[in-house]
Amino acid sequence: MSIEEIRYRRLGYIALTVTDLEKSRHFYETLVGLKMDEEPDGERAYLRCSDRHHDLVIYRGSEPALKRVAWQMESDKALEAVRKHFVELGIECVAVSPEEQADLGIGEAFRMSEPTTGVTFEFYSDMAEAPSAYETTHTKIARLGHIVLSSPDRNATEKFLLDEMNFRVSDRIKGMVTFMRCFPNPYHHSFGVGASKNAGLNHINFMVTEMADIGKANNRMKKADVPIVFGIGKHPPSESVFIYFLDPDGMTVEYSFGMEEFPENSPRDPRDLPASLESIDYWEGTPDSRMAKVGVVEPLK
């Protein structure tokens, strides 16, 4: 099997564990602008910013955590290719039960534990459409954008994603973070790996369609006493305008506007930017110390 057969459509969805399901549901629905089609069952809630079944799942638990990251493969063939490759590497692939598939609105799927961070990755190729179109409210969310993980061995995590998952590097900030694409998805990064003492969640991102969405979010979060921990600013690697804020558990959420896109063939080479705040924000902002501090890695069960 060629690694080139492992091809992705997009970052599928993100699953978080939250300590107060109702409070978090209210935050993501009312302040972030996601849509929920069914009332939570007391254990989990599905939310979306697209016409798919969901883009975010929040589960009730004892501590805030990154539960899993799901990747939608380009085809059933690509799904089988990635599963076969992991089996050949000796990595356990745990099938998602038919009952859970139905609950998640996905087809055949499996999960594995990424060996350098312990983060659970899920792989599937099909997801059901939502019962109605996604209609924006205060924010014109374009899509679930990306997730950035913290890794105690950034180089090892990057290497696994490159060599064993067919990701591509877009840019690096030396010693700090690697921005990666789930190939051949064109966006500058659907995944990032930041250097940290412990593995955990750095942040999740939603891409918006208007610059005004960033400014409105700044005022809306302030009025709701939601901590803003970085921005408004502009990232040099992706050229995205951003704002970061905290959810009720203190996990970090980002809105961003604009992002470089890469062609499948003959993309530009990755850049190695210097390890400095200027490589993070053109506008010379400084992150709040609370940013990217909450969200442990929940092991595969």
C-alpha atoms as a PDB file:
ATOM      1  CA  MET A   1       0.000   0.000   0.000  1.00  0.00           C
ATOM      2  CA  SER A   2       1.238   3.502  -0.823  1.00  0.00           C
ATOM      3  CA  ILE A   3       0.919   6.210   1.808  1.00  0.00           C
ATOM      4  CA  GLU A   4      -0.460   8.361  -1.018  1.00  0.00           C
ATOM      5  CA  GLU A   5      -3.682   6.350  -0.866  1.00  0.00           C
ATOM      6  CA  ILE A   6      -4.425   7.944   2.528  1.00  0.00           C
ATOM      7  CA  ARG A   7      -6.410  11.000   1.486  1.00  0.00           C
ATOM      8  CA  TYR A   8      -8.679  13.253   3.547  1.00  0.00           C
ATOM      9  CA  ARG A   9     -11.737  15.334   2.837  1.00  0.00           C
ATOM     10  CA  ARG A  10     -11.573  17.470   5.965  1.00  0.00           C
ATOM     11  CA  LEU A  11     -11.271  17.692   9.706  1.00  0.00           C
ATOM     12  CA  GLY A  12     -14.524  15.890  10.447  1.00  0.00           C
ATOM     13  CA  TYR A  13     -15.518  16.913  13.949  1.00  0.00           C
ATOM     14  CA  ILE A  14     -14.126  17.510  17.425  1.00  0.00           C
ATOM     15  CA  ALA A  15     -15.379  15.903  20.630  1.00  0.00           C
ATOM     16  CA  LEU A  16     -14.828  17.639  23.973  1.00  0.00           C
ATOM     17  CA  THR A  17     -15.627  16.621  27.523  1.00  0.00           C
ATOM     18  CA  VAL A  18     -17.172  19.407  29.597  1.00  0.00           C
ATOM     19  CA  THR A  19     -18.088  19.586  33.273  1.00  0.00           C
ATOM     20  CA  ASP A  20     -21.470  21.346  32.900  1.00  0.00           C
ATOM     21  CA  LEU A  21     -23.276  20.179  29.776  1.00  0.00           C
ATOM     22  CA  GLU A  22     -26.036  22.778  29.926  1.00  0.00           C
ATOM     23  CA  LYS A  23     -23.690  25.704  30.506  1.00  0.00           C
ATOM     24  CA  SER A  24     -21.390  24.597  27.684  1.00  0.00           C
ATOM     25  CA  ARG A  25     -24.305  23.923  25.344  1.00  0.00           C
ATOM     26  CA  HIS A  26     -25.540  27.462  25.991  1.00  0.00           C
ATOM     27  CA  PHE A  27     -22.082  28.913  25.345  1.00  0.00           C
ATOM     28  CA  TYR A  28     -21.471  27.108  22.048  1.00  0.00           C
ATOM     29  CA  GLU A  29     -25.013  27.652  20.827  1.00  0.00           C
ATOM     30  CA  THR A  30     -25.688  31.205  21.994  1.00  0.00           C
ATOM     31  CA  LEU A  31     -22.276  32.874  22.068  1.00  0.00           C
ATOM     32  CA  VAL A  32     -20.286  30.914  19.473  1.00  0.00           C
ATOM     33  CA  GLY A  33     -23.240  30.527  17.100  1.00  0.00           C
ATOM     34  CA  LEU A  34     -23.488  26.776  16.524  1.00  0.00           C
ATOM     35  CA  LYS A  35     -26.831  25.068  15.904  1.00  0.00           C
ATOM     36  CA  MET A  36     -28.261  22.201  17.931  1.00  0.00           C
ATOM     37  CA  ASP A  37     -30.984  20.070  16.360  1.00  0.00           C
ATOM     38  CA  GLU A  38     -31.920  17.955  19.382  1.00  0.00           C
ATOM     39  CA  GLU A  39     -32.023  18.695  23.074  1.00  0.00           C
ATOM     40  CA  PRO A  40     -29.112  17.127  25.022  1.00  0.00           C
ATOM     41  CA  ASP A  41     -29.874  13.757  26.564  1.00  0.00           C
ATOM     42  CA  GLY A  42     -27.975  14.647  29.739  1.00  0.00           C
ATOM     43  CA  GLU A  43     -24.806  12.950  28.538  1.00  0.00           C
ATOM     44  CA  ARG A  44     -23.915  14.668  25.262  1.00  0.00           C
ATOM     45  CA  ALA A  45     -25.000  17.332  22.789  1.00  0.00           C
ATOM     46  CA  TYR A  46     -24.389  17.610  19.036  1.00  0.00           C
ATOM     47  CA  LEU A  47     -23.752  21.044  17.540  1.00  0.00           C
ATOM     48  CA  ARG A  48     -23.007  22.130  13.992  1.00  0.00           C
ATOM     49  CA  CYS A  49     -21.856  25.017  11.827  1.00  0.00           C
ATOM     50  CA  SER A  50     -22.593  23.214   8.550  1.00  0.00           C
ATOM     51  CA  ASP A  51     -25.261  21.113   6.876  1.00  0.00           C
ATOM     52  CA  ARG A  52     -23.673  17.937   8.265  1.00  0.00           C
ATOM     53  CA  HIS A  53     -24.937  16.004  11.290  1.00  0.00           C
ATOM     54  CA  HIS A  54     -22.457  17.723  13.612  1.00  0.00           C
ATOM     55  CA  ASP A  55     -19.125  19.521  13.805  1.00  0.00           C
ATOM     56  CA  LEU A  56     -18.734  19.482  17.586  1.00  0.00           C
ATOM     57  CA  VAL A  57     -19.868  17.008  20.225  1.00  0.00           C
ATOM     58  CA  ILE A  58     -19.731  17.851  23.910  1.00  0.00           C
ATOM     59  CA  TYR A  59     -19.921  15.072  26.497  1.00  0.00           C
ATOM     60  CA  ARG A  60     -20.545  15.446  30.200  1.00  0.00           C
ATOM     61  CA  GLY A  61     -17.578  14.426  32.364  1.00  0.00           C
ATOM     62  CA  SER A  62     -15.608  15.126  35.518  1.00  0.00           C
ATOM     63  CA  GLU A  63     -12.890  17.333  33.934  1.00  0.00           C
ATOM     64  CA  PRO A  64     -12.526  19.319  30.724  1.00  0.00           C
ATOM     65  CA  ALA A  65     -10.787  17.255  28.076  1.00  0.00           C
ATOM     66  CA  LEU A  66     -10.171  16.617  24.422  1.00  0.00           C
ATOM     67  CA  LYS A  67     -12.114  13.419  23.901  1.00  0.00           C
ATOM     68  CA  ARG A  68     -11.238  12.775  20.245  1.00  0.00           C
ATOM     69  CA  VAL A  69     -10.465  14.300  16.866  1.00  0.00           C
ATOM     70  CA  ALA A  70     -12.316  12.838  13.884  1.00  0.00           C
ATOM     71  CA  TRP A  71     -11.084  12.855  10.293  1.00  0.00           C
ATOM     72  CA  GLN A  72     -13.384  12.461   7.307  1.00  0.00           C
ATOM     73  CA  MET A  73     -11.589  10.485   4.624  1.00  0.00           C
ATOM     74  CA  GLU A  74     -11.950  11.208   0.921  1.00  0.00           C
ATOM     75  CA  SER A  75     -13.506   7.791   0.184  1.00  0.00           C
ATOM     76  CA  ASP A  76     -14.122   4.300   1.523  1.00  0.00           C
ATOM     77  CA  LYS A  77     -10.900   3.309  -0.229  1.00  0.00           C
ATOM     78  CA  ALA A  78      -8.962   5.965   1.697  1.00  0.00           C
ATOM     79  CA  LEU A  79     -10.589   4.814   4.944  1.00  0.00           C
ATOM     80  CA  GLU A  80      -9.491   1.248   4.332  1.00  0.00           C
ATOM     81  CA  ALA A  81      -6.000   2.437   3.357  1.00  0.00           C
ATOM     82  CA  VAL A  82      -5.409   4.269   6.617  1.00  0.00           C
ATOM     83  CA  ARG A  83      -6.794   1.383   8.677  1.00  0.00           C
ATOM     84  CA  LYS A  84      -4.625  -1.164   6.860  1.00  0.00           C
ATOM     85  CA  HIS A  85      -1.554   1.019   7.313  1.00  0.00           C
ATOM     86  CA  PHE A  86      -2.075   1.334  11.071  1.00  0.00           C
ATOM     87  CA  VAL A  87      -2.599  -2.416  11.426  1.00  0.00           C
ATOM     88  CA  GLU A  88       0.671  -3.011   9.572  1.00  0.00           C
ATOM     89  CA  LEU A  89       2.361  -0.650  12.062  1.00  0.00           C
ATOM     90  CA  GLY A  90       0.976  -2.680  14.958  1.00  0.00           C
ATOM     91  CA  ILE A  91      -1.409   0.067  16.073  1.00  0.00           C
ATOM     92  CA  GLU A  92      -4.698  -1.154  17.512  1.00  0.00           C
ATOM     93  CA  CYS A  93      -7.723   0.005  15.522  1.00  0.00           C
ATOM     94  CA  VAL A  94     -10.964  -0.090  17.504  1.00  0.00           C
ATOM     95  CA  ALA A  95     -14.149  -0.316  15.443  1.00  0.00           C
ATOM     96  CA  VAL A  96     -16.955   2.101  16.280  1.00  0.00           C
ATOM     97  CA  SER A  97     -20.039   0.021  17.039  1.00  0.00           C
ATOM     98  CA  PRO A  98     -23.063   0.155  14.706  1.00  0.00           C
ATOM     99  CA  GLU A  99     -25.084   1.688  17.555  1.00  0.00           C
ATOM    100  CA  GLU A 100     -22.604   4.529  18.053  1.00  0.00           C
ATOM    101  CA  GLN A 101     -22.262   5.002  14.299  1.00  0.00           C
ATOM    102  CA  ALA A 102     -26.006   5.551  14.115  1.00  0.00           C
ATOM    103  CA  ASP A 103     -25.892   7.983  17.042  1.00  0.00           C
ATOM    104  CA  LEU A 104     -23.047   9.935  15.429  1.00  0.00           C
ATOM    105  CA  GLY A 105     -24.643   9.877  12.002  1.00  0.00           C
ATOM    106  CA  ILE A 106     -21.588   8.311  10.384  1.00  0.00           C
ATOM    107  CA  GLY A 107     -20.828   5.198   8.387  1.00  0.00           C
ATOM    108  CA  GLU A 108     -18.193   2.593   9.157  1.00  0.00           C
ATOM    109  CA  ALA A 109     -15.505   4.074  11.408  1.00  0.00           C
ATOM    110  CA  PHE A 110     -12.617   3.176  13.680  1.00  0.00           C
ATOM    111  CA  ARG A 111     -10.485   4.829  16.360  1.00  0.00           C
ATOM    112  CA  MET A 112      -6.842   4.656  17.345  1.00  0.00           C
ATOM    113  CA  SER A 113      -4.575   6.342  19.853  1.00  0.00           C
ATOM    114  CA  GLU A 114      -1.989   8.660  18.281  1.00  0.00           C
ATOM    115  CA  PRO A 115       1.223   7.210  19.751  1.00  0.00           C
ATOM    116  CA  THR A 116       3.094  10.413  20.636  1.00  0.00           C
ATOM    117  CA  THR A 117       0.293  12.262  22.456  1.00  0.00           C
ATOM    118  CA  GLY A 118      -2.310   9.617  23.288  1.00  0.00           C
ATOM    119  CA  VAL A 119      -5.005  11.667  21.534  1.00  0.00           C
ATOM    120  CA  THR A 120      -7.828   9.569  20.109  1.00  0.00           C
ATOM    121  CA  PHE A 121      -8.232   9.891  16.350  1.00  0.00           C
ATOM    122  CA  GLU A 122     -11.391   8.655  14.633  1.00  0.00           C
ATOM    123  CA  PHE A 123     -11.605   7.937  10.899  1.00  0.00           C
ATOM    124  CA  TYR A 124     -14.758   7.680   8.773  1.00  0.00           C
ATOM    125  CA  SER A 125     -15.755   8.509   5.208  1.00  0.00           C
ATOM    126  CA  ASP A 126     -19.483   9.297   5.381  1.00  0.00           C
ATOM    127  CA  MET A 127     -21.593  11.521   7.618  1.00  0.00           C
ATOM    128  CA  ALA A 128     -25.335  12.103   7.390  1.00  0.00           C
ATOM    129  CA  GLU A 129     -26.734  15.468   6.438  1.00  0.00           C
ATOM    130  CA  ALA A 130     -28.515  17.547   9.066  1.00  0.00           C
ATOM    131  CA  PRO A 131     -32.337  17.719   8.969  1.00  0.00           C
ATOM    132  CA  SER A 132     -32.204  21.356   7.854  1.00  0.00           C
ATOM    133  CA  ALA A 133     -29.794  23.879   6.418  1.00  0.00           C
ATOM    134  CA  TYR A 134     -27.397  25.635   8.762  1.00  0.00           C
ATOM    135  CA  GLU A 135     -28.581  29.208   9.207  1.00  0.00           C
ATOM    136  CA  THR A 136     -26.167  31.702  10.718  1.00  0.00           C
ATOM    137  CA  THR A 137     -27.178  33.876  13.638  1.00  0.00           C
ATOM    138  CA  HIS A 138     -24.882  36.616  14.940  1.00  0.00           C
ATOM    139  CA  THR A 139     -21.796  35.066  13.296  1.00  0.00           C
ATOM    140  CA  LYS A 140     -21.409  33.823   9.743  1.00  0.00           C
ATOM    141  CA  ILE A 141     -19.397  30.695  10.571  1.00  0.00           C
ATOM    142  CA  ALA A 142     -17.984  29.180   7.396  1.00  0.00           C
ATOM    143  CA  ARG A 143     -16.691  25.894   8.793  1.00  0.00           C
ATOM    144  CA  LEU A 144     -14.957  24.037  11.574  1.00  0.00           C
ATOM    145  CA  GLY A 145     -11.436  25.203  10.853  1.00  0.00           C
ATOM    146  CA  HIS A 146      -8.738  23.401  12.787  1.00  0.00           C
ATOM    147  CA  ILE A 147      -7.492  22.042  16.058  1.00  0.00           C
ATOM    148  CA  VAL A 148      -4.090  22.573  17.653  1.00  0.00           C
ATOM    149  CA  LEU A 149      -2.675  20.040  20.115  1.00  0.00           C
ATOM    150  CA  SER A 150       0.058  20.469  22.674  1.00  0.00           C
ATOM    151  CA  SER A 151       2.712  17.744  22.519  1.00  0.00           C
ATOM    152  CA  PRO A 152       5.647  16.945  24.819  1.00  0.00           C
ATOM    153  CA  ASP A 153       7.558  15.848  21.704  1.00  0.00           C
ATOM    154  CA  ARG A 154       6.462  18.085  18.858  1.00  0.00           C
ATOM    155  CA  ASN A 155       8.998  16.664  16.424  1.00  0.00           C
ATOM    156  CA  ALA A 156       7.825  13.089  17.025  1.00  0.00           C
ATOM    157  CA  THR A 157       4.168  14.059  16.608  1.00  0.00           C
ATOM    158  CA  GLU A 158       4.942  15.930  13.410  1.00  0.00           C
ATOM    159  CA  LYS A 159       6.921  12.966  12.071  1.00  0.00           C
ATOM    160  CA  PHE A 160       4.081  10.509  12.761  1.00  0.00           C
ATOM    161  CA  LEU A 161       1.540  12.709  11.021  1.00  0.00           C
ATOM    162  CA  LEU A 162       3.831  13.207   8.027  1.00  0.00           C
ATOM    163  CA  ASP A 163       5.159   9.682   7.636  1.00  0.00           C
ATOM    164  CA  GLU A 164       2.190   7.585   8.731  1.00  0.00           C
ATOM    165  CA  MET A 165      -0.890   9.747   8.075  1.00  0.00           C
ATOM    166  CA  ASN A 166       0.116  11.588   4.882  1.00  0.00           C
ATOM    167  CA  PHE A 167      -0.251  15.070   6.348  1.00  0.00           C
ATOM    168  CA  ARG A 168       1.747  17.952   4.869  1.00  0.00           C
ATOM    169  CA  VAL A 169       3.563  20.791   6.632  1.00  0.00           C
ATOM    170  CA  SER A 170       2.559  24.319   5.628  1.00  0.00           C
ATOM    171  CA  ASP A 171       4.772  26.308   8.018  1.00  0.00           C
ATOM    172  CA  ARG A 172       6.669  26.049  11.289  1.00  0.00           C
ATOM    173  CA  ILE A 173       7.517  28.531  14.002  1.00  0.00           C
ATOM    174  CA  LYS A 174      10.868  27.197  15.164  1.00  0.00           C
ATOM    175  CA  GLY A 175      10.648  25.185  18.333  1.00  0.00           C
ATOM    176  CA  MET A 176       7.066  26.312  18.961  1.00  0.00           C
ATOM    177  CA  VAL A 177       4.441  24.994  16.557  1.00  0.00           C
ATOM    178  CA  THR A 178       3.969  23.120  13.273  1.00  0.00           C
ATOM    179  CA  PHE A 179       1.011  23.922  11.006  1.00  0.00           C
ATOM    180  CA  MET A 180      -0.203  20.960   8.929  1.00  0.00           C
ATOM    181  CA  ARG A 181      -2.739  20.075   6.238  1.00  0.00           C
ATOM    182  CA  CYS A 182      -4.692  16.807   6.087  1.00  0.00           C
ATOM    183  CA  PHE A 183      -3.804  16.232   2.444  1.00  0.00           C
ATOM    184  CA  PRO A 184      -5.267  17.107  -0.033  1.00  0.00           C
ATOM    185  CA  ASN A 185      -7.490  19.512   1.937  1.00  0.00           C
ATOM    186  CA  PRO A 186      -6.267  22.932   0.777  1.00  0.00           C
ATOM    187  CA  TYR A 187      -6.458  25.035   3.938  1.00  0.00           C
ATOM    188  CA  HIS A 188      -3.172  26.200   5.446  1.00  0.00           C
ATOM    189  CA  HIS A 189      -3.795  24.087   8.528  1.00  0.00           C
ATOM    190  CA  SER A 190      -6.508  21.793   9.735  1.00  0.00           C
ATOM    191  CA  PHE A 191      -4.128  20.603  12.451  1.00  0.00           C
ATOM    192  CA  GLY A 192      -1.352  22.141  14.484  1.00  0.00           C
ATOM    193  CA  VAL A 193       1.158  20.731  16.956  1.00  0.00           C
ATOM    194  CA  GLY A 194       2.533  23.002  19.657  1.00  0.00           C
ATOM    195  CA  ALA A 195       5.415  22.275  21.998  1.00  0.00           C
ATOM    196  CA  SER A 196       4.442  21.820  25.636  1.00  0.00           C
ATOM    197  CA  LYS A 197       5.444  19.898  28.753  1.00  0.00           C
ATOM    198  CA  ASN A 198       2.283  17.784  28.599  1.00  0.00           C
ATOM    199  CA  ALA A 199      -0.059  16.578  25.876  1.00  0.00           C
ATOM    200  CA  GLY A 200      -3.374  18.397  25.762  1.00  0.00           C
ATOM    201  CA  LEU A 201      -5.706  20.701  23.907  1.00  0.00           C
ATOM    202  CA  ASN A 202      -4.271  23.992  22.718  1.00  0.00           C
ATOM    203  CA  HIS A 203      -7.396  25.325  20.981  1.00  0.00           C
ATOM    204  CA  ILE A 204     -10.202  24.624  18.529  1.00  0.00           C
ATOM    205  CA  ASN A 205     -11.045  26.969  15.674  1.00  0.00           C
ATOM    206  CA  PHE A 206     -14.071  28.095  13.698  1.00  0.00           C
ATOM    207  CA  MET A 207     -13.514  30.047  10.470  1.00  0.00           C
ATOM    208  CA  VAL A 208     -15.845  32.983   9.832  1.00  0.00           C
ATOM    209  CA  THR A 209     -16.799  34.638   6.555  1.00  0.00           C
ATOM    210  CA  GLU A 210     -16.549  38.344   7.390  1.00  0.00           C
ATOM    211  CA  MET A 211     -14.031  40.534   9.188  1.00  0.00           C
ATOM    212  CA  ALA A 212     -16.997  42.030  11.030  1.00  0.00           C
ATOM    213  CA  ASP A 213     -17.571  38.659  12.713  1.00  0.00           C
ATOM    214  CA  ILE A 214     -14.258  39.078  14.550  1.00  0.00           C
ATOM    215  CA  GLY A 215     -15.073  42.587  15.744  1.00  0.00           C
ATOM    216  CA  LYS A 216     -18.591  41.631  16.803  1.00  0.00           C
ATOM    217  CA  ALA A 217     -17.238  38.648  18.721  1.00  0.00           C
ATOM    218  CA  ASN A 218     -14.855  40.921  20.599  1.00  0.00           C
ATOM    219  CA  ASN A 219     -17.754  43.036  21.847  1.00  0.00           C
ATOM    220  CA  ARG A 220     -20.156  40.120  22.387  1.00  0.00           C
ATOM    221  CA  MET A 221     -17.695  38.171  24.531  1.00  0.00           C
ATOM    222  CA  LYS A 222     -16.850  41.235  26.612  1.00  0.00           C
ATOM    223  CA  LYS A 223     -20.544  41.903  27.274  1.00  0.00           C
ATOM    224  CA  ALA A 224     -20.991  38.267  28.374  1.00  0.00           C
ATOM    225  CA  ASP A 225     -17.857  38.395  30.607  1.00  0.00           C
ATOM    226  CA  VAL A 226     -16.169  35.719  28.482  1.00  0.00           C
ATOM    227  CA  PRO A 227     -12.374  35.995  28.852  1.00  0.00           C
ATOM    228  CA  ILE A 228     -10.610  37.085  25.652  1.00  0.00           C
ATOM    229  CA  VAL A 229      -7.112  35.637  25.847  1.00  0.00           C
ATOM    230  CA  PHE A 230      -5.511  36.767  22.574  1.00  0.00           C
ATOM    231  CA  GLY A 231      -6.405  39.273  19.883  1.00  0.00           C
ATOM    232  CA  ILE A 232      -7.781  40.815  17.898  1.00  0.00           C
ATOM    233  CA  GLY A 233      -4.620  40.052  15.888  1.00  0.00           C
ATOM    234  CA  LYS A 234      -3.280  38.688  12.604  1.00  0.00           C
ATOM    235  CA  HIS A 235      -1.250  35.491  12.201  1.00  0.00           C
ATOM    236  CA  PRO A 236       1.773  35.734   9.861  1.00  0.00           C
ATOM    237  CA  PRO A 237       1.814  32.006   8.915  1.00  0.00           C
ATOM    238  CA  SER A 238      -1.767  31.783   7.634  1.00  0.00           C
ATOM    239  CA  GLU A 239      -2.603  35.499   7.202  1.00  0.00           C
ATOM    240  CA  SER A 240      -5.700  34.910   9.363  1.00  0.00           C
ATOM    241  CA  VAL A 241      -7.226  37.628  11.523  1.00  0.00           C
ATOM    242  CA  PHE A 242      -8.061  36.062  14.884  1.00  0.00           C
ATOM    243  CA  ILE A 243      -9.572  36.297  18.320  1.00  0.00           C
ATOM    244  CA  TYR A 244      -9.231  33.664  21.075  1.00  0.00           C
ATOM    245  CA  PHE A 245     -11.586  33.285  24.038  1.00  0.00           C
ATOM    246  CA  LEU A 246     -12.364  30.727  26.730  1.00  0.00           C
ATOM    247  CA  ASP A 247     -15.341  28.383  27.026  1.00  0.00           C
ATOM    248  CA  PRO A 248     -17.014  27.842  30.444  1.00  0.00           C
ATOM    249  CA  ASP A 249     -14.380  25.249  31.443  1.00  0.00           C
ATOM    250  CA  GLY A 250     -11.492  27.442  30.327  1.00  0.00           C
ATOM    251  CA  MET A 251     -10.771  25.573  27.079  1.00  0.00           C
ATOM    252  CA  THR A 252      -9.581  27.882  24.302  1.00  0.00           C
ATOM    253  CA  VAL A 253     -11.713  28.643  21.237  1.00  0.00           C
ATOM    254  CA  GLU A 254     -10.674  30.727  18.221  1.00  0.00           C
ATOM    255  CA  TYR A 255     -12.526  32.570  15.498  1.00  0.00           C
ATOM    256  CA  SER A 256     -10.426  33.324  12.427  1.00  0.00           C
ATOM    257  CA  PHE A 257     -11.049  35.128   9.154  1.00  0.00           C
ATOM    258  CA  GLY A 258      -9.096  34.371   5.989  1.00  0.00           C
ATOM    259  CA  MET A 259      -6.549  31.610   5.346  1.00  0.00           C
ATOM    260  CA  GLU A 260      -4.060  30.683   2.667  1.00  0.00           C
ATOM    261  CA  GLU A 261      -5.067  27.746   0.473  1.00  0.00           C
ATOM    262  CA  PHE A 262      -2.656  25.278  -1.137  1.00  0.00           C
ATOM    263  CA  PRO A 263      -2.975  23.501  -4.478  1.00  0.00           C
ATOM    264  CA  GLU A 264      -2.747  19.723  -4.412  1.00  0.00           C
ATOM    265  CA  ASN A 265       0.165  19.771  -6.846  1.00  0.00           C
ATOM    266  CA  SER A 266       3.300  21.938  -6.690  1.00  0.00           C
ATOM    267  CA  PRO A 267       2.519  23.809  -3.440  1.00  0.00           C
ATOM    268  CA  ARG A 268       5.042  26.276  -2.042  1.00  0.00           C
ATOM    269  CA  ASP A 269       7.652  24.981   0.398  1.00  0.00           C
ATOM    270  CA  PRO A 270       7.037  25.250   4.169  1.00  0.00           C
ATOM    271  CA  ARG A 271       8.573  28.274   5.852  1.00  0.00           C
ATOM    272  CA  ASP A 272      10.551  28.180   9.105  1.00  0.00           C
ATOM    273  CA  LEU A 273       9.615  31.345  10.963  1.00  0.00           C
ATOM    274  CA  PRO A 274      11.677  32.586  13.929  1.00  0.00           C
ATOM    275  CA  ALA A 275      10.577  31.758  17.467  1.00  0.00           C
ATOM    276  CA  SER A 276       9.144  35.134  18.407  1.00  0.00           C
ATOM    277  CA  LEU A 277       5.864  36.855  19.168  1.00  0.00           C
ATOM    278  CA  GLU A 278       6.216  38.639  15.814  1.00  0.00           C
ATOM    279  CA  SER A 279       5.785  35.233  14.137  1.00  0.00           C
ATOM    280  CA  ILE A 280       2.473  34.782  15.950  1.00  0.00           C
ATOM    281  CA  ASP A 281       0.915  38.216  15.553  1.00  0.00           C
ATOM    282  CA  TYR A 282       1.717  40.950  13.004  1.00  0.00           C
ATOM    283  CA  TRP A 283       0.049  43.411  15.353  1.00  0.00           C
ATOM    284  CA  GLU A 284       2.380  42.637  18.287  1.00  0.00           C
ATOM    285  CA  GLY A 285      -0.223  41.272  20.684  1.00  0.00           C
ATOM    286  CA  THR A 286       0.641  39.060  23.648  1.00  0.00           C
ATOM    287  CA  PRO A 287      -1.359  35.950  24.636  1.00  0.00           C
ATOM    288  CA  ASP A 288      -2.982  35.876  28.069  1.00  0.00           C
ATOM    289  CA  SER A 289      -1.408  33.305  30.410  1.00  0.00           C
ATOM    290  CA  ARG A 290      -4.732  31.422  30.542  1.00  0.00           C
ATOM    291  CA  MET A 291      -4.655  30.617  26.828  1.00  0.00           C
ATOM    292  CA  ALA A 292      -4.242  26.924  25.861  1.00  0.00           C
ATOM    293  CA  LYS A 293      -3.964  25.761  29.457  1.00  0.00           C
ATOM    294  CA  VAL A 294      -7.127  23.654  29.880  1.00  0.00           C
ATOM    295  CA  GLY A 295      -8.099  20.368  28.228  1.00  0.00           C
ATOM    296  CA  VAL A 296      -6.377  17.113  29.136  1.00  0.00           C
ATOM    297  CA  VAL A 297      -6.150  14.212  26.710  1.00  0.00           C
ATOM    298  CA  GLU A 298      -8.916  11.692  27.376  1.00  0.00           C
ATOM    299  CA  PRO A 299      -7.598   8.196  26.590  1.00  0.00           C
ATOM    300  CA  LEU A 300      -9.233   5.877  24.082  1.00  0.00           C
ATOM    301  CA  LYS A 301     -11.792   3.680  25.818  1.00  0.00           C
END
